[in-house]
Amino acid sequence: MTAHAPDPRNPYGMDEECKNCPALVETREQVVHGYGDVEADVVVLGSEPTAGPDRTGVPFTGDETGETIQTLLGELGFSDSPPDSTEPDLENIYLTYVTRCRHPDREATDDETRNCEGYRTAELRMINPELIVAVGQVALDALAFEYTTRSAEELDVGVEHATTIRGRGFEILPMLPPGEASEAQLDGFGSHFAAELGRDYRQTKGQRRK
């Protein structure tokens, strides 16, 4: 982060005591809002916090899933921090979720997802990214209706993994959740992501610092 940048943790000051979903209030450790560079070209959107982020308060940190994502970000030049960092030093990337609270025994319900929609929509509008990495089916479904010409029923993250979907104003890179992907699939996604970042209209971290 640059010295003049806002605090990367919940930089938009979203409600950290949100009580819109009573069942999740009872099970979460904390609300996990977005983290990262508010001027980012790239957003990584997951479905909901896993155990690590529920503990750290930072998306994609604190557990094996987080370390896999942070390793990828380091390899692509978005992070100067080790993969196990709980407050990574990121530039040109923003991390967030479809829903912001963890239930240890189930995924978020449709109502809980709708309750969080305003947070996600506001972040994407304010950041206005060039590229969104959609980690998992829930994240891909959340983007499909509003931002693509395809319905959620058409999009299978397993089929679309490591491809590019044209959205309205940005492109979407679907990614299998790290826990569901093979090493070869993760490598393939990393190669595709790197190729997208190499296109002229988008800048990587290293290019921005020249």
Protein backbone atom coordinates (compact mmCIF):
# COMPACT_ATOMS: atom_id res chain seq x y z
CA MET A 1 0.00 0.00 0.00
CA THR A 2 1.12 3.56 -0.61
CA ALA A 3 1.52 5.94 2.32
CA HIS A 4 -1.49 8.07 1.36
CA ALA A 5 -3.86 5.11 0.90
CA PRO A 6 -6.73 4.52 3.34
CA ASP A 7 -6.62 1.66 5.83
CA PRO A 8 -7.02 -1.47 3.70
CA ARG A 9 -9.29 -3.11 6.25
CA ASN A 10 -12.91 -2.18 5.49
CA PRO A 11 -11.79 1.05 3.77
CA TYR A 12 -15.36 2.11 2.99
CA GLY A 13 -16.42 1.98 6.63
CA MET A 14 -19.20 -0.56 6.19
CA ASP A 15 -21.21 -1.66 9.21
CA GLU A 16 -19.03 -3.95 11.33
CA GLU A 17 -21.89 -4.66 13.73
CA CYS A 18 -24.41 -5.60 11.03
CA LYS A 19 -27.37 -7.55 12.44
CA ASN A 20 -29.35 -8.11 9.24
CA CYS A 21 -29.01 -11.90 9.56
CA PRO A 22 -29.80 -12.98 13.15
CA ALA A 23 -28.62 -16.57 12.70
CA LEU A 24 -25.21 -15.42 11.49
CA VAL A 25 -24.86 -12.89 14.30
CA GLU A 26 -24.98 -15.88 16.64
CA THR A 27 -22.29 -17.90 14.81
CA ARG A 28 -19.76 -15.40 13.44
CA GLU A 29 -16.72 -14.05 15.23
CA GLN A 30 -16.92 -10.83 13.22
CA VAL A 31 -18.24 -9.27 10.03
CA VAL A 32 -15.66 -9.65 7.25
CA HIS A 33 -15.90 -6.72 4.87
CA GLY A 34 -13.52 -6.00 1.98
CA TYR A 35 -9.77 -5.45 2.25
CA GLY A 36 -7.22 -3.97 -0.09
CA ASP A 37 -6.52 -1.23 -2.59
CA VAL A 38 -9.52 1.02 -3.25
CA GLU A 39 -7.98 2.01 -6.61
CA ALA A 40 -7.59 -1.62 -7.67
CA ASP A 41 -8.02 -2.84 -11.22
CA VAL A 42 -8.77 -6.33 -9.89
CA VAL A 43 -11.28 -7.63 -7.32
CA VAL A 44 -11.24 -11.15 -5.89
CA LEU A 45 -14.78 -12.12 -4.88
CA GLY A 46 -15.40 -15.21 -2.76
CA SER A 47 -18.65 -16.69 -1.53
CA GLU A 48 -18.36 -16.19 2.25
CA PRO A 49 -15.70 -16.18 4.97
CA THR A 50 -14.11 -19.47 5.91
CA ALA A 51 -12.80 -20.09 9.43
CA GLY A 52 -9.59 -18.11 8.88
CA PRO A 53 -11.13 -14.80 7.79
CA ASP A 54 -13.81 -15.15 10.46
CA ARG A 55 -10.94 -15.09 12.95
CA THR A 56 -8.67 -12.48 11.28
CA GLY A 57 -11.32 -10.18 9.83
CA VAL A 58 -9.47 -10.12 6.48
CA PRO A 59 -10.76 -11.99 3.40
CA PHE A 60 -8.70 -14.94 2.16
CA THR A 61 -6.34 -15.10 5.14
CA GLY A 62 -5.79 -17.29 8.17
CA ASP A 63 -6.25 -20.79 6.73
CA GLU A 64 -5.24 -23.07 3.87
CA THR A 65 -7.66 -21.48 1.41
CA GLY A 66 -6.28 -18.06 2.24
CA GLU A 67 -2.68 -19.19 1.88
CA THR A 68 -3.43 -20.61 -1.57
CA ILE A 69 -4.98 -17.33 -2.71
CA GLN A 70 -2.22 -15.25 -1.11
CA THR A 71 0.44 -17.41 -2.78
CA LEU A 72 -1.20 -16.75 -6.14
CA LEU A 73 -1.35 -13.01 -5.46
CA GLY A 74 2.31 -12.97 -4.53
CA GLU A 75 3.29 -14.83 -7.70
CA LEU A 76 1.36 -12.32 -9.80
CA GLY A 77 2.88 -9.28 -8.11
CA PHE A 78 -0.12 -8.12 -6.09
CA SER A 79 1.32 -8.88 -2.64
CA ASP A 80 4.61 -8.19 -0.86
CA SER A 81 3.65 -10.37 2.11
CA PRO A 82 4.18 -14.05 2.92
CA PRO A 83 1.18 -16.29 2.18
CA ASP A 84 0.37 -16.73 5.87
CA SER A 85 0.12 -12.98 6.55
CA THR A 86 -3.14 -11.96 8.20
CA GLU A 87 -2.82 -8.35 6.98
CA PRO A 88 -1.13 -8.66 3.58
CA ASP A 89 0.49 -5.70 1.88
CA LEU A 90 -1.55 -5.54 -1.33
CA GLU A 91 -1.55 -3.20 -4.30
CA ASN A 92 -3.93 -3.03 -7.27
CA ILE A 93 -6.19 -5.72 -5.82
CA TYR A 94 -9.20 -5.80 -3.49
CA LEU A 95 -10.53 -8.86 -1.65
CA THR A 96 -14.16 -9.32 -0.65
CA TYR A 97 -17.09 -11.74 -0.32
CA VAL A 98 -20.68 -12.14 -1.46
CA THR A 99 -21.78 -12.58 2.17
CA ARG A 100 -19.81 -11.23 5.11
CA CYS A 101 -20.49 -13.61 8.00
CA ARG A 102 -19.65 -17.27 8.61
CA HIS A 103 -21.90 -20.08 9.67
CA PRO A 104 -19.73 -23.09 10.56
CA ASP A 105 -22.27 -25.69 9.44
CA ARG A 106 -23.86 -24.36 6.26
CA GLU A 107 -23.68 -21.93 3.37
CA ALA A 108 -25.57 -18.64 3.48
CA THR A 109 -29.27 -18.79 2.66
CA ASP A 110 -30.80 -16.86 -0.23
CA ASP A 111 -32.16 -14.29 2.22
CA GLU A 112 -28.76 -13.85 3.86
CA THR A 113 -27.15 -13.40 0.45
CA ARG A 114 -29.70 -10.74 -0.47
CA ASN A 115 -29.09 -8.97 2.84
CA CYS A 116 -25.42 -8.53 1.87
CA GLU A 117 -26.03 -7.51 -1.72
CA GLY A 118 -25.80 -3.81 -0.97
CA TYR A 119 -22.30 -4.14 0.47
CA ARG A 120 -21.00 -6.00 -2.59
CA THR A 121 -22.72 -3.71 -5.07
CA ALA A 122 -21.37 -0.61 -3.35
CA GLU A 123 -17.81 -1.93 -3.35
CA LEU A 124 -17.87 -2.84 -7.02
CA ARG A 125 -19.40 0.50 -7.95
CA MET A 126 -16.82 2.47 -6.00
CA ILE A 127 -13.82 0.43 -7.16
CA ASN A 128 -15.01 0.00 -10.77
CA PRO A 129 -12.54 -2.85 -11.48
CA GLU A 130 -11.35 -4.06 -14.85
CA LEU A 131 -11.39 -7.69 -13.77
CA ILE A 132 -13.20 -9.76 -11.14
CA VAL A 133 -11.96 -13.18 -10.03
CA ALA A 134 -15.07 -15.11 -8.98
CA VAL A 135 -13.97 -17.82 -6.54
CA GLY A 136 -16.65 -20.52 -6.45
CA GLN A 137 -20.15 -21.01 -7.78
CA VAL A 138 -21.83 -18.62 -5.36
CA ALA A 139 -19.57 -15.75 -6.42
CA LEU A 140 -20.11 -16.53 -10.10
CA ASP A 141 -23.88 -16.72 -9.62
CA ALA A 142 -23.87 -13.38 -7.80
CA LEU A 143 -22.28 -11.68 -10.82
CA ALA A 144 -24.15 -13.51 -13.59
CA PHE A 145 -27.54 -11.82 -13.63
CA GLU A 146 -26.54 -8.21 -13.07
CA TYR A 147 -23.25 -8.08 -14.93
CA THR A 148 -23.37 -10.60 -17.81
CA THR A 149 -25.74 -11.59 -20.59
CA ARG A 150 -25.84 -15.14 -19.27
CA SER A 151 -28.06 -16.56 -16.53
CA ALA A 152 -26.74 -18.18 -13.39
CA GLU A 153 -28.21 -21.48 -14.59
CA GLU A 154 -25.88 -21.40 -17.61
CA LEU A 155 -22.68 -20.85 -15.66
CA ASP A 156 -20.87 -23.73 -13.97
CA VAL A 157 -17.65 -22.70 -12.24
CA GLY A 158 -16.17 -26.14 -12.92
CA VAL A 159 -16.70 -25.68 -16.65
CA GLU A 160 -15.79 -21.98 -16.72
CA HIS A 161 -12.71 -22.31 -14.47
CA ALA A 162 -9.68 -20.52 -15.94
CA THR A 163 -11.69 -18.85 -18.71
CA THR A 164 -12.81 -15.26 -19.20
CA ILE A 165 -16.45 -14.16 -19.29
CA ARG A 166 -17.24 -10.72 -20.67
CA GLY A 167 -19.26 -8.66 -18.20
CA ARG A 168 -20.80 -5.22 -18.28
CA GLY A 169 -17.85 -2.93 -17.75
CA PHE A 170 -15.40 -5.61 -16.63
CA GLU A 171 -14.38 -9.19 -17.26
CA ILE A 172 -14.93 -12.16 -14.94
CA LEU A 173 -12.43 -14.95 -14.33
CA PRO A 174 -14.20 -17.91 -12.70
CA MET A 175 -12.07 -19.98 -10.32
CA LEU A 176 -12.78 -23.21 -8.50
CA PRO A 177 -12.40 -22.84 -4.73
CA PRO A 178 -8.88 -23.92 -3.78
CA GLY A 179 -10.19 -26.81 -1.71
CA GLU A 180 -12.02 -28.22 -4.74
CA ALA A 181 -9.27 -27.69 -7.33
CA SER A 182 -6.37 -29.94 -8.25
CA GLU A 183 -2.84 -28.61 -8.41
CA ALA A 184 -3.03 -28.69 -12.19
CA GLN A 185 -6.27 -26.70 -12.15
CA LEU A 186 -4.75 -24.09 -9.83
CA ASP A 187 -1.69 -23.83 -12.06
CA GLY A 188 -3.94 -23.44 -15.09
CA PHE A 189 -5.86 -20.66 -13.43
CA GLY A 190 -2.65 -18.88 -12.47
CA SER A 191 -1.43 -19.02 -16.06
CA HIS A 192 -4.74 -17.69 -17.40
CA PHE A 193 -4.83 -14.92 -14.80
CA ALA A 194 -1.27 -13.90 -15.69
CA ALA A 195 -2.17 -13.78 -19.38
CA GLU A 196 -5.14 -11.51 -18.66
CA LEU A 197 -2.93 -9.20 -16.62
CA GLY A 198 -0.51 -8.96 -19.52
CA ARG A 199 -3.03 -7.22 -21.72
CA ASP A 200 -2.18 -3.59 -22.47
CA TYR A 201 -5.25 -1.91 -20.95
CA ARG A 202 -4.64 -3.39 -17.51
CA GLN A 203 -1.64 -2.68 -15.28
CA THR A 204 0.04 -4.96 -12.80
CA LYS A 205 1.61 -3.88 -9.55
CA GLY A 206 5.13 -3.76 -10.93
CA GLN A 207 4.11 -1.62 -13.88
CA ARG A 208 2.36 0.88 -11.61
CA ARG A 209 5.51 1.40 -9.56
CA LYS A 210 7.75 2.22 -12.54
